[in-house]
Amino acid sequence: QVQMVESGGGLVQAGGSLRLSCVASGSIFSLDVMGWYRQAPGTQRELVASITNRGSTVYADDVKGRLTISRDGAKNTVYLQMGSLKPEDTAVYYCNAKMLGSSTYNYWGHGTQVTVSS
């Protein structure tokens, strides 16, 4: 019912910046939580950052101070501003949205590749 499309990934040198965007479309009643996850080859998918519909945020310890999550409700869009990028940030980044109610619904994008070279 909800489609998530990420954009903004690419190749950047260590210390550089990128901004990821994710647009949600479809039958959207409420996206209570939106966030970004990442997965590097051979690793588990991990939470990078999330933001609630009230603006509360959660960040992974290793990205605090470097990455900032934000959302634009009018555009059904969530952003991840990434700065001071490190090679260990290299991964496929996935957009996620949750709808809370009697049931919890999770929606995922197909991912966008971020590669940070040294």
C-alpha atoms as a PDB file:
ATOM      1  CA  GLN A   1       0.000   0.000   0.000  1.00  0.00           C
ATOM      2  CA  VAL A   2       2.953   2.301   0.608  1.00  0.00           C
ATOM      3  CA  GLN A   3       5.924   2.661  -1.680  1.00  0.00           C
ATOM      4  CA  MET A   4       9.251   4.023  -0.499  1.00  0.00           C
ATOM      5  CA  VAL A   5      11.803   5.329  -2.984  1.00  0.00           C
ATOM      6  CA  GLU A   6      15.295   6.353  -1.911  1.00  0.00           C
ATOM      7  CA  SER A   7      17.685   8.616  -3.758  1.00  0.00           C
ATOM      8  CA  GLY A   8      20.901  10.515  -3.172  1.00  0.00           C
ATOM      9  CA  GLY A   9      23.404   7.721  -2.768  1.00  0.00           C
ATOM     10  CA  GLY A  10      26.699   7.693  -4.562  1.00  0.00           C
ATOM     11  CA  LEU A  11      30.455   7.679  -4.266  1.00  0.00           C
ATOM     12  CA  VAL A  12      32.151  10.187  -2.001  1.00  0.00           C
ATOM     13  CA  GLN A  13      35.589  10.535  -0.461  1.00  0.00           C
ATOM     14  CA  ALA A  14      36.147  10.276   3.266  1.00  0.00           C
ATOM     15  CA  GLY A  15      35.193  13.508   4.971  1.00  0.00           C
ATOM     16  CA  GLY A  16      32.622  14.360   2.338  1.00  0.00           C
ATOM     17  CA  SER A  17      28.874  14.787   2.565  1.00  0.00           C
ATOM     18  CA  LEU A  18      25.741  13.341   1.031  1.00  0.00           C
ATOM     19  CA  ARG A  19      22.038  13.830   1.541  1.00  0.00           C
ATOM     20  CA  LEU A  20      19.703  10.899   1.147  1.00  0.00           C
ATOM     21  CA  SER A  21      16.021  11.379   0.423  1.00  0.00           C
ATOM     22  CA  CYS A  22      13.107   8.993   0.640  1.00  0.00           C
ATOM     23  CA  VAL A  23       9.644   9.725  -0.693  1.00  0.00           C
ATOM     24  CA  ALA A  24       6.660   7.733   0.502  1.00  0.00           C
ATOM     25  CA  SER A  25       3.593   7.384  -1.672  1.00  0.00           C
ATOM     26  CA  GLY A  26       0.398   5.365  -1.787  1.00  0.00           C
ATOM     27  CA  SER A  27      -2.303   4.883   0.807  1.00  0.00           C
ATOM     28  CA  ILE A  28      -0.719   6.880   3.587  1.00  0.00           C
ATOM     29  CA  PHE A  29      -2.797   7.471   6.678  1.00  0.00           C
ATOM     30  CA  SER A  30      -0.012   8.028   9.154  1.00  0.00           C
ATOM     31  CA  LEU A  31       3.686   7.262   9.060  1.00  0.00           C
ATOM     32  CA  ASP A  32       4.354   7.225  12.767  1.00  0.00           C
ATOM     33  CA  VAL A  33       8.051   6.495  12.518  1.00  0.00           C
ATOM     34  CA  MET A  34      10.384   6.939   9.587  1.00  0.00           C
ATOM     35  CA  GLY A  35      13.994   5.952   9.585  1.00  0.00           C
ATOM     36  CA  TRP A  36      17.109   4.864   7.818  1.00  0.00           C
ATOM     37  CA  TYR A  37      18.801   1.502   8.092  1.00  0.00           C
ATOM     38  CA  ARG A  38      21.972   0.308   6.444  1.00  0.00           C
ATOM     39  CA  GLN A  39      23.513  -3.000   5.549  1.00  0.00           C
ATOM     40  CA  ALA A  40      27.070  -3.678   4.480  1.00  0.00           C
ATOM     41  CA  PRO A  41      28.051  -6.940   2.774  1.00  0.00           C
ATOM     42  CA  GLY A  42      28.206  -9.795   5.250  1.00  0.00           C
ATOM     43  CA  THR A  43      26.564  -7.807   8.046  1.00  0.00           C
ATOM     44  CA  GLN A  44      23.120  -7.491   9.560  1.00  0.00           C
ATOM     45  CA  ARG A  45      20.906  -4.570   8.727  1.00  0.00           C
ATOM     46  CA  GLU A  46      21.191  -1.946  11.435  1.00  0.00           C
ATOM     47  CA  LEU A  47      19.325   1.176  12.421  1.00  0.00           C
ATOM     48  CA  VAL A  48      21.086   4.404  11.518  1.00  0.00           C
ATOM     49  CA  ALA A  49      18.489   6.946  12.622  1.00  0.00           C
ATOM     50  CA  SER A  50      14.759   7.278  13.096  1.00  0.00           C
ATOM     51  CA  ILE A  51      12.283  10.073  13.659  1.00  0.00           C
ATOM     52  CA  THR A  52       8.729   9.987  14.981  1.00  0.00           C
ATOM     53  CA  ASN A  53       5.776  12.043  13.831  1.00  0.00           C
ATOM     54  CA  ARG A  54       6.405  14.263  16.841  1.00  0.00           C
ATOM     55  CA  GLY A  55      10.022  14.910  15.943  1.00  0.00           C
ATOM     56  CA  SER A  56      11.758  12.641  18.434  1.00  0.00           C
ATOM     57  CA  THR A  57      14.945  11.148  17.030  1.00  0.00           C
ATOM     58  CA  VAL A  58      17.154   8.165  17.705  1.00  0.00           C
ATOM     59  CA  TYR A  59      20.663   7.722  16.334  1.00  0.00           C
ATOM     60  CA  ALA A  60      23.132   4.902  16.280  1.00  0.00           C
ATOM     61  CA  ASP A  61      26.098   5.694  18.502  1.00  0.00           C
ATOM     62  CA  ASP A  62      28.606   5.694  15.666  1.00  0.00           C
ATOM     63  CA  VAL A  63      26.747   8.323  13.630  1.00  0.00           C
ATOM     64  CA  LYS A  64      25.836  10.821  16.339  1.00  0.00           C
ATOM     65  CA  GLY A  65      27.083  14.277  15.465  1.00  0.00           C
ATOM     66  CA  ARG A  66      27.713  13.379  11.833  1.00  0.00           C
ATOM     67  CA  LEU A  67      24.305  12.407  10.485  1.00  0.00           C
ATOM     68  CA  THR A  68      21.015  14.234  10.887  1.00  0.00           C
ATOM     69  CA  ILE A  69      17.564  12.866  10.151  1.00  0.00           C
ATOM     70  CA  SER A  70      14.617  15.080   9.301  1.00  0.00           C
ATOM     71  CA  ARG A  71      11.212  14.753   7.701  1.00  0.00           C
ATOM     72  CA  ASP A  72       8.821  16.858   5.678  1.00  0.00           C
ATOM     73  CA  GLY A  73       5.272  15.768   6.373  1.00  0.00           C
ATOM     74  CA  ALA A  74       3.820  17.795   3.523  1.00  0.00           C
ATOM     75  CA  LYS A  75       6.001  15.902   1.057  1.00  0.00           C
ATOM     76  CA  ASN A  76       5.936  12.532   2.856  1.00  0.00           C
ATOM     77  CA  THR A  77       9.687  12.648   2.699  1.00  0.00           C
ATOM     78  CA  VAL A  78      12.460  11.755   5.117  1.00  0.00           C
ATOM     79  CA  TYR A  79      16.042  12.925   4.731  1.00  0.00           C
ATOM     80  CA  LEU A  80      19.391  11.839   6.034  1.00  0.00           C
ATOM     81  CA  GLN A  81      22.054  14.526   5.916  1.00  0.00           C
ATOM     82  CA  MET A  82      25.417  12.818   6.162  1.00  0.00           C
ATOM     83  CA  GLY A  83      28.660  14.627   6.889  1.00  0.00           C
ATOM     84  CA  SER A  84      32.198  13.683   7.844  1.00  0.00           C
ATOM     85  CA  LEU A  85      31.663  10.394   6.086  1.00  0.00           C
ATOM     86  CA  LYS A  86      33.951   7.481   6.826  1.00  0.00           C
ATOM     87  CA  PRO A  87      34.746   4.360   4.793  1.00  0.00           C
ATOM     88  CA  GLU A  88      32.896   2.321   7.418  1.00  0.00           C
ATOM     89  CA  ASP A  89      29.717   4.178   6.441  1.00  0.00           C
ATOM     90  CA  THR A  90      29.783   2.292   3.142  1.00  0.00           C
ATOM     91  CA  ALA A  91      26.571   0.294   2.856  1.00  0.00           C
ATOM     92  CA  VAL A  92      23.217   0.077   1.176  1.00  0.00           C
ATOM     93  CA  TYR A  93      20.908   2.494   2.945  1.00  0.00           C
ATOM     94  CA  TYR A  94      17.242   1.576   3.261  1.00  0.00           C
ATOM     95  CA  CYS A  95      14.325   3.826   4.041  1.00  0.00           C
ATOM     96  CA  ASN A  96      11.750   2.509   6.498  1.00  0.00           C
ATOM     97  CA  ALA A  97       8.336   3.647   7.659  1.00  0.00           C
ATOM     98  CA  LYS A  98       6.064   2.259  10.349  1.00  0.00           C
ATOM     99  CA  MET A  99       2.346   2.660  10.792  1.00  0.00           C
ATOM    100  CA  LEU A 100       1.155   1.929  14.312  1.00  0.00           C
ATOM    101  CA  GLY A 101      -2.320   0.800  15.247  1.00  0.00           C
ATOM    102  CA  SER A 102      -4.054  -2.456  15.977  1.00  0.00           C
ATOM    103  CA  SER A 103      -1.335  -3.886  13.753  1.00  0.00           C
ATOM    104  CA  THR A 104       2.106  -2.525  12.981  1.00  0.00           C
ATOM    105  CA  TYR A 105       2.975  -2.138   9.319  1.00  0.00           C
ATOM    106  CA  ASN A 106       6.522  -1.824   8.056  1.00  0.00           C
ATOM    107  CA  TYR A 107       7.412  -0.459   4.644  1.00  0.00           C
ATOM    108  CA  TRP A 108      10.827  -0.592   3.026  1.00  0.00           C
ATOM    109  CA  GLY A 109      12.511   0.952   0.055  1.00  0.00           C
ATOM    110  CA  HIS A 110      14.839  -0.978  -2.213  1.00  0.00           C
ATOM    111  CA  GLY A 111      17.923   0.826  -0.984  1.00  0.00           C
ATOM    112  CA  THR A 112      20.499   3.262  -2.271  1.00  0.00           C
ATOM    113  CA  GLN A 113      24.219   2.560  -2.314  1.00  0.00           C
ATOM    114  CA  VAL A 114      26.582   4.812  -0.398  1.00  0.00           C
ATOM    115  CA  THR A 115      30.278   4.230  -0.972  1.00  0.00           C
ATOM    116  CA  VAL A 116      32.892   6.187   0.945  1.00  0.00           C
ATOM    117  CA  SER A 117      36.430   5.882  -0.343  1.00  0.00           C
ATOM    118  CA  SER A 118      39.591   6.561   1.611  1.00  0.00           C
END
